[in-house]
PDB file of N, CA and C in Angstrom:
ATOM      1  N   MET A   1     205.074 107.257 101.503  1.00  0.00           N
ATOM      2  CA  MET A   1     204.612 108.754 101.279  1.00  0.00           C
ATOM      3  C   MET A   1     205.710 109.607 101.161  1.00  0.00           C
ATOM      4  N   ALA A   2     205.780 110.429 100.047  1.00  0.00           N
ATOM      5  CA  ALA A   2     206.883 111.452  99.803  1.00  0.00           C
ATOM      6  C   ALA A   2     206.232 112.671 100.270  1.00  0.00           C
ATOM      7  N   THR A   3     207.295 113.559 100.561  1.00  0.00           N
ATOM      8  CA  THR A   3     206.814 114.822 101.069  1.00  0.00           C
ATOM      9  C   THR A   3     207.413 115.948 100.222  1.00  0.00           C
ATOM     10  N   ALA A   4     206.874 117.175 100.319  1.00  0.00           N
ATOM     11  CA  ALA A   4     207.491 118.380  99.636  1.00  0.00           C
ATOM     12  C   ALA A   4     209.026 118.456  99.917  1.00  0.00           C
ATOM     13  N   ASP A   5     209.462 118.305 101.156  1.00  0.00           N
ATOM     14  CA  ASP A   5     210.814 118.235 101.379  1.00  0.00           C
ATOM     15  C   ASP A   5     211.697 117.139 100.620  1.00  0.00           C
ATOM     16  N   ASP A   6     211.030 116.026 100.436  1.00  0.00           N
ATOM     17  CA  ASP A   6     211.715 114.974  99.559  1.00  0.00           C
ATOM     18  C   ASP A   6     211.778 115.514  98.107  1.00  0.00           C
ATOM     19  N   VAL A   7     210.739 116.225  97.641  1.00  0.00           N
ATOM     20  CA  VAL A   7     210.744 116.707  96.270  1.00  0.00           C
ATOM     21  C   VAL A   7     211.921 117.680  96.184  1.00  0.00           C
ATOM     22  N   HIS A   8     212.056 118.682  97.078  1.00  0.00           N
ATOM     23  CA  HIS A   8     213.102 119.744  97.148  1.00  0.00           C
ATOM     24  C   HIS A   8     214.482 119.048  97.133  1.00  0.00           C
ATOM     25  N   ARG A   9     214.663 118.127  97.877  1.00  0.00           N
ATOM     26  CA  ARG A   9     215.933 117.537  98.229  1.00  0.00           C
ATOM     27  C   ARG A   9     216.351 116.761  96.869  1.00  0.00           C
ATOM     28  N   ILE A  10     215.540 115.854  96.418  1.00  0.00           N
ATOM     29  CA  ILE A  10     215.698 115.164  95.242  1.00  0.00           C
ATOM     30  C   ILE A  10     216.000 115.986  93.899  1.00  0.00           C
ATOM     31  N   ALA A  11     215.007 116.810  93.735  1.00  0.00           N
ATOM     32  CA  ALA A  11     215.215 117.707  92.452  1.00  0.00           C
ATOM     33  C   ALA A  11     216.472 118.548  92.599  1.00  0.00           C
ATOM     34  N   LEU A  12     216.620 119.036  93.617  1.00  0.00           N
ATOM     35  CA  LEU A  12     217.931 120.030  93.691  1.00  0.00           C
ATOM     36  C   LEU A  12     219.245 119.195  93.718  1.00  0.00           C
ATOM     37  N   SER A  13     219.145 117.865  93.891  1.00  0.00           N
ATOM     38  CA  SER A  13     220.375 116.952  93.650  1.00  0.00           C
ATOM     39  C   SER A  13     220.611 116.695  92.212  1.00  0.00           C
ATOM     40  N   LEU A  14     219.628 116.919  91.342  1.00  0.00           N
ATOM     41  CA  LEU A  14     219.931 116.540  89.973  1.00  0.00           C
ATOM     42  C   LEU A  14     220.611 117.646  89.237  1.00  0.00           C
ATOM     43  N   ALA A  15     221.682 117.364  88.592  1.00  0.00           N
ATOM     44  CA  ALA A  15     222.730 118.434  88.160  1.00  0.00           C
ATOM     45  C   ALA A  15     221.903 119.530  87.372  1.00  0.00           C
ATOM     46  N   GLY A  16     222.385 120.774  87.741  1.00  0.00           N
ATOM     47  CA  GLY A  16     221.809 121.901  87.082  1.00  0.00           C
ATOM     48  C   GLY A  16     220.410 122.436  87.507  1.00  0.00           C
ATOM     49  N   THR A  17     219.816 121.748  88.395  1.00  0.00           N
ATOM     50  CA  THR A  17     218.415 122.113  88.701  1.00  0.00           C
ATOM     51  C   THR A  17     218.402 123.385  89.675  1.00  0.00           C
ATOM     52  N   THR A  18     217.487 124.188  89.349  1.00  0.00           N
ATOM     53  CA  THR A  18     217.135 125.363  90.159  1.00  0.00           C
ATOM     54  C   THR A  18     215.732 125.341  90.517  1.00  0.00           C
ATOM     55  N   ALA A  19     215.292 125.972  91.634  1.00  0.00           N
ATOM     56  CA  ALA A  19     213.952 126.183  91.942  1.00  0.00           C
ATOM     57  C   ALA A  19     213.604 127.612  92.216  1.00  0.00           C
ATOM     58  N   ALA A  20     212.365 127.961  91.596  1.00  0.00           N
ATOM     59  CA  ALA A  20     211.894 129.352  91.706  1.00  0.00           C
ATOM     60  C   ALA A  20     210.388 129.334  91.708  1.00  0.00           C
ATOM     61  N   PRO A  21     209.730 130.331  92.217  1.00  0.00           N
ATOM     62  CA  PRO A  21     208.412 130.427  92.186  1.00  0.00           C
ATOM     63  C   PRO A  21     207.794 130.476  90.793  1.00  0.00           C
ATOM     64  N   HIS A  22     206.653 129.889  90.599  1.00  0.00           N
ATOM     65  CA  HIS A  22     205.913 129.666  89.264  1.00  0.00           C
ATOM     66  C   HIS A  22     204.464 129.743  89.533  1.00  0.00           C
ATOM     67  N   MET A  23     203.768 131.050  89.341  1.00  0.00           N
ATOM     68  CA  MET A  23     202.494 131.001  89.676  1.00  0.00           C
ATOM     69  C   MET A  23     202.216 130.746  91.162  1.00  0.00           C
ATOM     70  N   ASP A  24     201.336 129.783  91.394  1.00  0.00           N
ATOM     71  CA  ASP A  24     201.158 129.365  92.841  1.00  0.00           C
ATOM     72  C   ASP A  24     201.979 128.125  93.192  1.00  0.00           C
ATOM     73  N   ARG A  25     202.915 127.810  92.410  1.00  0.00           N
ATOM     74  CA  ARG A  25     203.819 126.642  92.590  1.00  0.00           C
ATOM     75  C   ARG A  25     205.264 126.919  92.706  1.00  0.00           C
ATOM     76  N   THR A  26     206.077 125.936  93.016  1.00  0.00           N
ATOM     77  CA  THR A  26     207.500 125.933  92.891  1.00  0.00           C
ATOM     78  C   THR A  26     207.917 125.216  91.707  1.00  0.00           C
ATOM     79  N   ALA A  27     208.699 125.797  90.834  1.00  0.00           N
ATOM     80  CA  ALA A  27     209.047 125.128  89.562  1.00  0.00           C
ATOM     81  C   ALA A  27     210.460 124.686  89.677  1.00  0.00           C
ATOM     82  N   PHE A  28     210.818 123.639  89.141  1.00  0.00           N
ATOM     83  CA  PHE A  28     212.163 122.989  89.129  1.00  0.00           C
ATOM     84  C   PHE A  28     212.505 123.023  87.648  1.00  0.00           C
ATOM     85  N   ARG A  29     213.791 123.539  87.369  1.00  0.00           N
ATOM     86  CA  ARG A  29     214.147 123.645  85.953  1.00  0.00           C
ATOM     87  C   ARG A  29     215.619 123.492  85.947  1.00  0.00           C
ATOM     88  N   VAL A  30     216.014 122.762  84.664  1.00  0.00           N
ATOM     89  CA  VAL A  30     217.412 122.637  84.353  1.00  0.00           C
ATOM     90  C   VAL A  30     217.627 123.476  83.023  1.00  0.00           C
ATOM     91  N   ARG A  31     217.166 123.042  81.937  1.00  0.00           N
ATOM     92  CA  ARG A  31     217.117 123.919  80.855  1.00  0.00           C
ATOM     93  C   ARG A  31     215.749 124.342  80.610  1.00  0.00           C
ATOM     94  N   ARG A  32     214.780 123.530  80.919  1.00  0.00           N
ATOM     95  CA  ARG A  32     213.319 123.842  80.878  1.00  0.00           C
ATOM     96  C   ARG A  32     212.722 123.412  82.343  1.00  0.00           C
ATOM     97  N   ILE A  33     211.522 123.873  82.449  1.00  0.00           N
ATOM     98  CA  ILE A  33     210.793 123.405  83.586  1.00  0.00           C
ATOM     99  C   ILE A  33     210.545 121.866  83.500  1.00  0.00           C
ATOM    100  N   TYR A  34     210.712 121.077  84.389  1.00  0.00           N
ATOM    101  CA  TYR A  34     210.440 119.767  84.334  1.00  0.00           C
ATOM    102  C   TYR A  34     209.432 119.192  85.460  1.00  0.00           C
ATOM    103  N   ALA A  35     209.306 120.107  86.470  1.00  0.00           N
ATOM    104  CA  ALA A  35     208.499 119.664  87.574  1.00  0.00           C
ATOM    105  C   ALA A  35     207.988 120.976  88.269  1.00  0.00           C
ATOM    106  N   THR A  36     206.745 120.879  88.678  1.00  0.00           N
ATOM    107  CA  THR A  36     206.110 121.908  89.574  1.00  0.00           C
ATOM    108  C   THR A  36     205.427 121.261  90.863  1.00  0.00           C
ATOM    109  N   LEU A  37     205.761 121.986  91.913  1.00  0.00           N
ATOM    110  CA  LEU A  37     205.228 121.450  93.152  1.00  0.00           C
ATOM    111  C   LEU A  37     204.081 122.163  93.762  1.00  0.00           C
ATOM    112  N   ALA A  38     202.983 121.711  94.019  1.00  0.00           N
ATOM    113  CA  ALA A  38     201.850 122.437  94.522  1.00  0.00           C
ATOM    114  C   ALA A  38     202.127 123.225  95.814  1.00  0.00           C
ATOM    115  N   ALA A  39     201.544 124.239  96.048  1.00  0.00           N
ATOM    116  CA  ALA A  39     201.667 125.026  97.199  1.00  0.00           C
ATOM    117  C   ALA A  39     201.422 124.222  98.530  1.00  0.00           C
ATOM    118  N   ASP A  40     200.431 123.462  98.420  1.00  0.00           N
ATOM    119  CA  ASP A  40     200.180 122.503  99.529  1.00  0.00           C
ATOM    120  C   ASP A  40     201.017 121.400  99.872  1.00  0.00           C
ATOM    121  N   GLY A  41     201.862 121.226  98.832  1.00  0.00           N
ATOM    122  CA  GLY A  41     202.948 120.139  99.098  1.00  0.00           C
ATOM    123  C   GLY A  41     202.374 118.645  99.025  1.00  0.00           C
ATOM    124  N   ARG A  42     201.193 118.537  98.508  1.00  0.00           N
ATOM    125  CA  ARG A  42     200.479 117.183  98.366  1.00  0.00           C
ATOM    126  C   ARG A  42     200.626 116.477  96.998  1.00  0.00           C
ATOM    127  N   SER A  43     200.876 117.337  96.004  1.00  0.00           N
ATOM    128  CA  SER A  43     201.024 116.938  94.524  1.00  0.00           C
ATOM    129  C   SER A  43     201.973 117.614  93.844  1.00  0.00           C
ATOM    130  N   MET A  44     202.470 117.191  92.632  1.00  0.00           N
ATOM    131  CA  MET A  44     203.330 117.777  91.813  1.00  0.00           C
ATOM    132  C   MET A  44     203.105 117.413  90.417  1.00  0.00           C
ATOM    133  N   ASN A  45     203.442 118.279  89.497  1.00  0.00           N
ATOM    134  CA  ASN A  45     203.287 117.898  87.900  1.00  0.00           C
ATOM    135  C   ASN A  45     204.665 117.583  87.436  1.00  0.00           C
ATOM    136  N   LEU A  46     204.743 116.617  86.700  1.00  0.00           N
ATOM    137  CA  LEU A  46     205.970 116.253  86.030  1.00  0.00           C
ATOM    138  C   LEU A  46     205.948 116.217  84.557  1.00  0.00           C
ATOM    139  N   LYS A  47     207.042 116.390  83.847  1.00  0.00           N
ATOM    140  CA  LYS A  47     206.999 116.328  82.362  1.00  0.00           C
ATOM    141  C   LYS A  47     207.631 114.985  81.801  1.00  0.00           C
ATOM    142  N   PHE A  48     206.633 114.186  81.339  1.00  0.00           N
ATOM    143  CA  PHE A  48     206.992 112.836  80.755  1.00  0.00           C
ATOM    144  C   PHE A  48     206.563 113.000  79.318  1.00  0.00           C
ATOM    145  N   SER A  49     207.033 112.032  78.546  1.00  0.00           N
ATOM    146  CA  SER A  49     206.389 111.990  77.208  1.00  0.00           C
ATOM    147  C   SER A  49     204.961 111.412  77.356  1.00  0.00           C
ATOM    148  N   PRO A  50     204.211 111.615  76.398  1.00  0.00           N
ATOM    149  CA  PRO A  50     202.840 111.134  76.366  1.00  0.00           C
ATOM    150  C   PRO A  50     202.835 109.562  76.739  1.00  0.00           C
ATOM    151  N   GLU A  51     203.885 108.846  76.027  1.00  0.00           N
ATOM    152  CA  GLU A  51     203.829 107.421  76.264  1.00  0.00           C
ATOM    153  C   GLU A  51     204.260 106.963  77.677  1.00  0.00           C
ATOM    154  N   GLU A  52     205.184 107.796  78.131  1.00  0.00           N
ATOM    155  CA  GLU A  52     205.669 107.612  79.454  1.00  0.00           C
ATOM    156  C   GLU A  52     204.612 107.620  80.515  1.00  0.00           C
ATOM    157  N   ARG A  53     203.877 108.763  80.291  1.00  0.00           N
ATOM    158  CA  ARG A  53     202.671 109.036  81.147  1.00  0.00           C
ATOM    159  C   ARG A  53     201.642 107.991  81.144  1.00  0.00           C
ATOM    160  N   GLU A  54     201.282 107.562  79.969  1.00  0.00           N
ATOM    161  CA  GLU A  54     200.276 106.429  79.748  1.00  0.00           C
ATOM    162  C   GLU A  54     200.603 105.329  80.478  1.00  0.00           C
ATOM    163  N   PHE A  55     201.965 104.975  80.379  1.00  0.00           N
ATOM    164  CA  PHE A  55     202.350 103.711  80.956  1.00  0.00           C
ATOM    165  C   PHE A  55     202.368 103.830  82.560  1.00  0.00           C
ATOM    166  N   LYS A  56     202.954 105.042  83.059  1.00  0.00           N
ATOM    167  CA  LYS A  56     202.881 105.120  84.425  1.00  0.00           C
ATOM    168  C   LYS A  56     201.474 105.180  85.081  1.00  0.00           C
ATOM    169  N   ALA A  57     200.591 105.805  84.434  1.00  0.00           N
ATOM    170  CA  ALA A  57     199.268 105.922  84.868  1.00  0.00           C
ATOM    171  C   ALA A  57     198.568 104.604  84.765  1.00  0.00           C
ATOM    172  N   MET A  58     198.985 103.678  83.812  1.00  0.00           N
ATOM    173  CA  MET A  58     198.251 102.414  83.601  1.00  0.00           C
ATOM    174  C   MET A  58     198.852 101.506  84.869  1.00  0.00           C
ATOM    175  N   MET A  59     200.086 101.553  85.201  1.00  0.00           N
ATOM    176  CA  MET A  59     200.781 100.718  86.175  1.00  0.00           C
ATOM    177  C   MET A  59     200.517 101.264  87.623  1.00  0.00           C
ATOM    178  N   ALA A  60     200.208 102.520  87.741  1.00  0.00           N
ATOM    179  CA  ALA A  60     200.168 103.026  89.171  1.00  0.00           C
ATOM    180  C   ALA A  60     199.012 104.158  89.203  1.00  0.00           C
ATOM    181  N   PRO A  61     197.882 103.897  88.824  1.00  0.00           N
ATOM    182  CA  PRO A  61     196.867 104.864  88.671  1.00  0.00           C
ATOM    183  C   PRO A  61     196.505 105.707  90.010  1.00  0.00           C
ATOM    184  N   ALA A  62     196.902 105.179  91.158  1.00  0.00           N
ATOM    185  CA  ALA A  62     196.734 105.924  92.385  1.00  0.00           C
ATOM    186  C   ALA A  62     197.847 107.007  92.599  1.00  0.00           C
ATOM    187  N   ILE A  63     198.834 106.938  91.747  1.00  0.00           N
ATOM    188  CA  ILE A  63     199.961 107.775  91.803  1.00  0.00           C
ATOM    189  C   ILE A  63     200.017 108.733  90.718  1.00  0.00           C
ATOM    190  N   PHE A  64     199.775 108.344  89.545  1.00  0.00           N
ATOM    191  CA  PHE A  64     200.182 109.110  88.395  1.00  0.00           C
ATOM    192  C   PHE A  64     198.799 109.338  87.540  1.00  0.00           C
ATOM    193  N   ALA A  65     198.507 110.606  87.025  1.00  0.00           N
ATOM    194  CA  ALA A  65     197.364 110.780  86.312  1.00  0.00           C
ATOM    195  C   ALA A  65     197.627 111.850  85.322  1.00  0.00           C
ATOM    196  N   ALA A  66     197.107 111.730  84.114  1.00  0.00           N
ATOM    197  CA  ALA A  66     197.156 112.807  83.059  1.00  0.00           C
ATOM    198  C   ALA A  66     196.582 114.107  83.497  1.00  0.00           C
ATOM    199  N   ILE A  67     197.226 115.223  83.267  1.00  0.00           N
ATOM    200  CA  ILE A  67     196.544 116.525  83.351  1.00  0.00           C
ATOM    201  C   ILE A  67     195.543 116.655  82.337  1.00  0.00           C
ATOM    202  N   PRO A  68     194.274 116.967  82.586  1.00  0.00           N
ATOM    203  CA  PRO A  68     193.210 116.879  81.601  1.00  0.00           C
ATOM    204  C   PRO A  68     193.151 118.178  80.795  1.00  0.00           C
ATOM    205  N   ASN A  69     194.142 118.539  79.992  1.00  0.00           N
ATOM    206  CA  ASN A  69     194.169 119.618  79.131  1.00  0.00           C
ATOM    207  C   ASN A  69     195.151 119.447  78.050  1.00  0.00           C
ATOM    208  N   GLY A  70     195.574 120.662  77.315  1.00  0.00           N
ATOM    209  CA  GLY A  70     196.595 120.516  76.360  1.00  0.00           C
ATOM    210  C   GLY A  70     198.071 120.181  77.027  1.00  0.00           C
ATOM    211  N   TRP A  71     198.223 120.641  78.247  1.00  0.00           N
ATOM    212  CA  TRP A  71     199.475 120.301  78.884  1.00  0.00           C
ATOM    213  C   TRP A  71     199.526 118.703  79.030  1.00  0.00           C
ATOM    214  N   GLY A  72     198.499 118.094  79.477  1.00  0.00           N
ATOM    215  CA  GLY A  72     198.352 116.672  79.478  1.00  0.00           C
ATOM    216  C   GLY A  72     198.776 115.936  78.366  1.00  0.00           C
ATOM    217  N   ARG A  73     198.172 116.515  77.091  1.00  0.00           N
ATOM    218  CA  ARG A  73     198.357 115.812  75.820  1.00  0.00           C
ATOM    219  C   ARG A  73     199.968 116.015  75.612  1.00  0.00           C
ATOM    220  N   GLN A  74     200.670 116.814  76.321  1.00  0.00           N
ATOM    221  CA  GLN A  74     202.027 116.863  76.049  1.00  0.00           C
ATOM    222  C   GLN A  74     202.881 115.977  76.980  1.00  0.00           C
ATOM    223  N   GLY A  75     202.198 115.369  77.818  1.00  0.00           N
ATOM    224  CA  GLY A  75     202.831 114.442  78.769  1.00  0.00           C
ATOM    225  C   GLY A  75     202.914 114.775  80.050  1.00  0.00           C
ATOM    226  N   TRP A  76     202.448 116.061  80.441  1.00  0.00           N
ATOM    227  CA  TRP A  76     202.545 116.543  81.744  1.00  0.00           C
ATOM    228  C   TRP A  76     201.533 115.675  82.609  1.00  0.00           C
ATOM    229  N   THR A  77     202.078 115.342  83.824  1.00  0.00           N
ATOM    230  CA  THR A  77     201.425 114.289  84.635  1.00  0.00           C
ATOM    231  C   THR A  77     201.369 114.729  86.087  1.00  0.00           C
ATOM    232  N   THR A  78     200.206 114.652  86.794  1.00  0.00           N
ATOM    233  CA  THR A  78     200.106 114.808  88.116  1.00  0.00           C
ATOM    234  C   THR A  78     200.476 113.625  88.969  1.00  0.00           C
ATOM    235  N   VAL A  79     201.331 113.865  90.131  1.00  0.00           N
ATOM    236  CA  VAL A  79     201.745 112.896  90.956  1.00  0.00           C
ATOM    237  C   VAL A  79     201.185 113.205  92.390  1.00  0.00           C
ATOM    238  N   ASP A  80     200.488 112.127  92.900  1.00  0.00           N
ATOM    239  CA  ASP A  80     199.860 112.259  94.200  1.00  0.00           C
ATOM    240  C   ASP A  80     201.003 111.927  95.322  1.00  0.00           C
ATOM    241  N   LEU A  81     201.605 112.914  95.829  1.00  0.00           N
ATOM    242  CA  LEU A  81     202.827 112.689  96.768  1.00  0.00           C
ATOM    243  C   LEU A  81     202.362 111.849  98.027  1.00  0.00           C
ATOM    244  N   THR A  82     201.095 111.824  98.291  1.00  0.00           N
ATOM    245  CA  THR A  82     200.720 110.983  99.498  1.00  0.00           C
ATOM    246  C   THR A  82     200.638 109.459  99.250  1.00  0.00           C
ATOM    247  N   ALA A  83     200.850 109.233  97.908  1.00  0.00           N
ATOM    248  CA  ALA A  83     200.722 107.817  97.425  1.00  0.00           C
ATOM    249  C   ALA A  83     202.057 107.263  96.889  1.00  0.00           C
ATOM    250  N   ILE A  84     203.090 108.085  96.768  1.00  0.00           N
ATOM    251  CA  ILE A  84     204.271 107.618  96.064  1.00  0.00           C
ATOM    252  C   ILE A  84     205.407 107.502  97.117  1.00  0.00           C
ATOM    253  N   GLU A  85     206.146 106.329  96.958  1.00  0.00           N
ATOM    254  CA  GLU A  85     207.293 106.140  97.894  1.00  0.00           C
ATOM    255  C   GLU A  85     208.525 106.961  97.383  1.00  0.00           C
ATOM    256  N   PRO A  86     209.360 107.467  98.434  1.00  0.00           N
ATOM    257  CA  PRO A  86     210.594 108.165  97.969  1.00  0.00           C
ATOM    258  C   PRO A  86     211.363 107.557  96.879  1.00  0.00           C
ATOM    259  N   LYS A  87     211.547 106.361  96.892  1.00  0.00           N
ATOM    260  CA  LYS A  87     212.408 105.597  95.864  1.00  0.00           C
ATOM    261  C   LYS A  87     211.803 105.802  94.518  1.00  0.00           C
ATOM    262  N   GLU A  88     210.357 105.783  94.357  1.00  0.00           N
ATOM    263  CA  GLU A  88     209.802 105.833  93.122  1.00  0.00           C
ATOM    264  C   GLU A  88     209.782 107.312  92.706  1.00  0.00           C
ATOM    265  N   LEU A  89     209.680 108.158  93.724  1.00  0.00           N
ATOM    266  CA  LEU A  89     209.807 109.603  93.307  1.00  0.00           C
ATOM    267  C   LEU A  89     211.163 109.903  92.792  1.00  0.00           C
ATOM    268  N   VAL A  90     212.206 109.373  93.260  1.00  0.00           N
ATOM    269  CA  VAL A  90     213.500 109.548  92.643  1.00  0.00           C
ATOM    270  C   VAL A  90     213.504 109.183  91.203  1.00  0.00           C
ATOM    271  N   ALA A  91     213.024 108.092  90.783  1.00  0.00           N
ATOM    272  CA  ALA A  91     212.874 107.524  89.451  1.00  0.00           C
ATOM    273  C   ALA A  91     212.009 108.553  88.675  1.00  0.00           C
ATOM    274  N   ALA A  92     210.917 108.867  89.017  1.00  0.00           N
ATOM    275  CA  ALA A  92     210.049 109.852  88.347  1.00  0.00           C
ATOM    276  C   ALA A  92     210.633 111.152  88.019  1.00  0.00           C
ATOM    277  N   LEU A  93     211.230 111.690  89.148  1.00  0.00           N
ATOM    278  CA  LEU A  93     211.816 113.155  88.979  1.00  0.00           C
ATOM    279  C   LEU A  93     213.113 113.040  88.089  1.00  0.00           C
ATOM    280  N   THR A  94     213.790 111.965  88.061  1.00  0.00           N
ATOM    281  CA  THR A  94     214.890 111.818  87.241  1.00  0.00           C
ATOM    282  C   THR A  94     214.410 111.617  85.788  1.00  0.00           C
ATOM    283  N   MET A  95     213.332 110.944  85.468  1.00  0.00           N
ATOM    284  CA  MET A  95     212.811 110.770  84.119  1.00  0.00           C
ATOM    285  C   MET A  95     212.408 112.164  83.587  1.00  0.00           C
ATOM    286  N   ALA A  96     211.664 112.965  84.482  1.00  0.00           N
ATOM    287  CA  ALA A  96     211.196 114.269  84.083  1.00  0.00           C
ATOM    288  C   ALA A  96     212.455 115.237  83.874  1.00  0.00           C
ATOM    289  N   TRP A  97     213.522 115.107  84.713  1.00  0.00           N
ATOM    290  CA  TRP A  97     214.669 115.896  84.657  1.00  0.00           C
ATOM    291  C   TRP A  97     215.333 115.662  83.277  1.00  0.00           C
ATOM    292  N   GLU A  98     215.316 114.572  82.694  1.00  0.00           N
ATOM    293  CA  GLU A  98     215.934 114.161  81.483  1.00  0.00           C
ATOM    294  C   GLU A  98     215.186 115.043  80.337  1.00  0.00           C
ATOM    295  N   HIS A  99     213.806 115.121  80.446  1.00  0.00           N
ATOM    296  CA  HIS A  99     213.208 115.884  79.451  1.00  0.00           C
ATOM    297  C   HIS A  99     213.377 117.457  79.778  1.00  0.00           C
ATOM    298  N   GLY A 100     213.620 117.884  80.929  1.00  0.00           N
ATOM    299  CA  GLY A 100     213.917 119.198  81.152  1.00  0.00           C
ATOM    300  C   GLY A 100     215.406 119.628  80.626  1.00  0.00           C
ATOM    301  N   ARG A 101     216.163 118.612  80.576  1.00  0.00           N
ATOM    302  CA  ARG A 101     217.463 119.089  80.012  1.00  0.00           C
ATOM    303  C   ARG A 101     217.807 118.753  78.563  1.00  0.00           C
ATOM    304  N   ALA A 102     216.686 118.219  77.893  1.00  0.00           N
ATOM    305  CA  ALA A 102     216.771 118.001  76.451  1.00  0.00           C
ATOM    306  C   ALA A 102     216.519 119.312  75.673  1.00  0.00           C
ATOM    307  N   LYS A 103     217.226 119.394  74.554  1.00  0.00           N
ATOM    308  CA  LYS A 103     217.020 120.553  73.669  1.00  0.00           C
ATOM    309  C   LYS A 103     215.601 120.666  73.154  1.00  0.00           C
TER     310      LYS A 103
END
């Protein structure tokens, strides 16, 4: 199980990342927002490509799920922090960070 503290620690260790309030969430941004952490610290949203999201949701449906709206069609994915291990969280955040730093 990963925690909100894990999210902060890992995200802020990725080059150029800053954290700031974003509506009722905390947003992590490098060039663009690539992750948002829910206020309750139990879930987060990550920016993947639609294909990456589909693959992750297929392989680990208890952890990854498409956001059911236009954001989801763009690849935004909800992550259940109570179901993901910190090592897997590092990989997921790093993948999303790559999208956040792209032009």
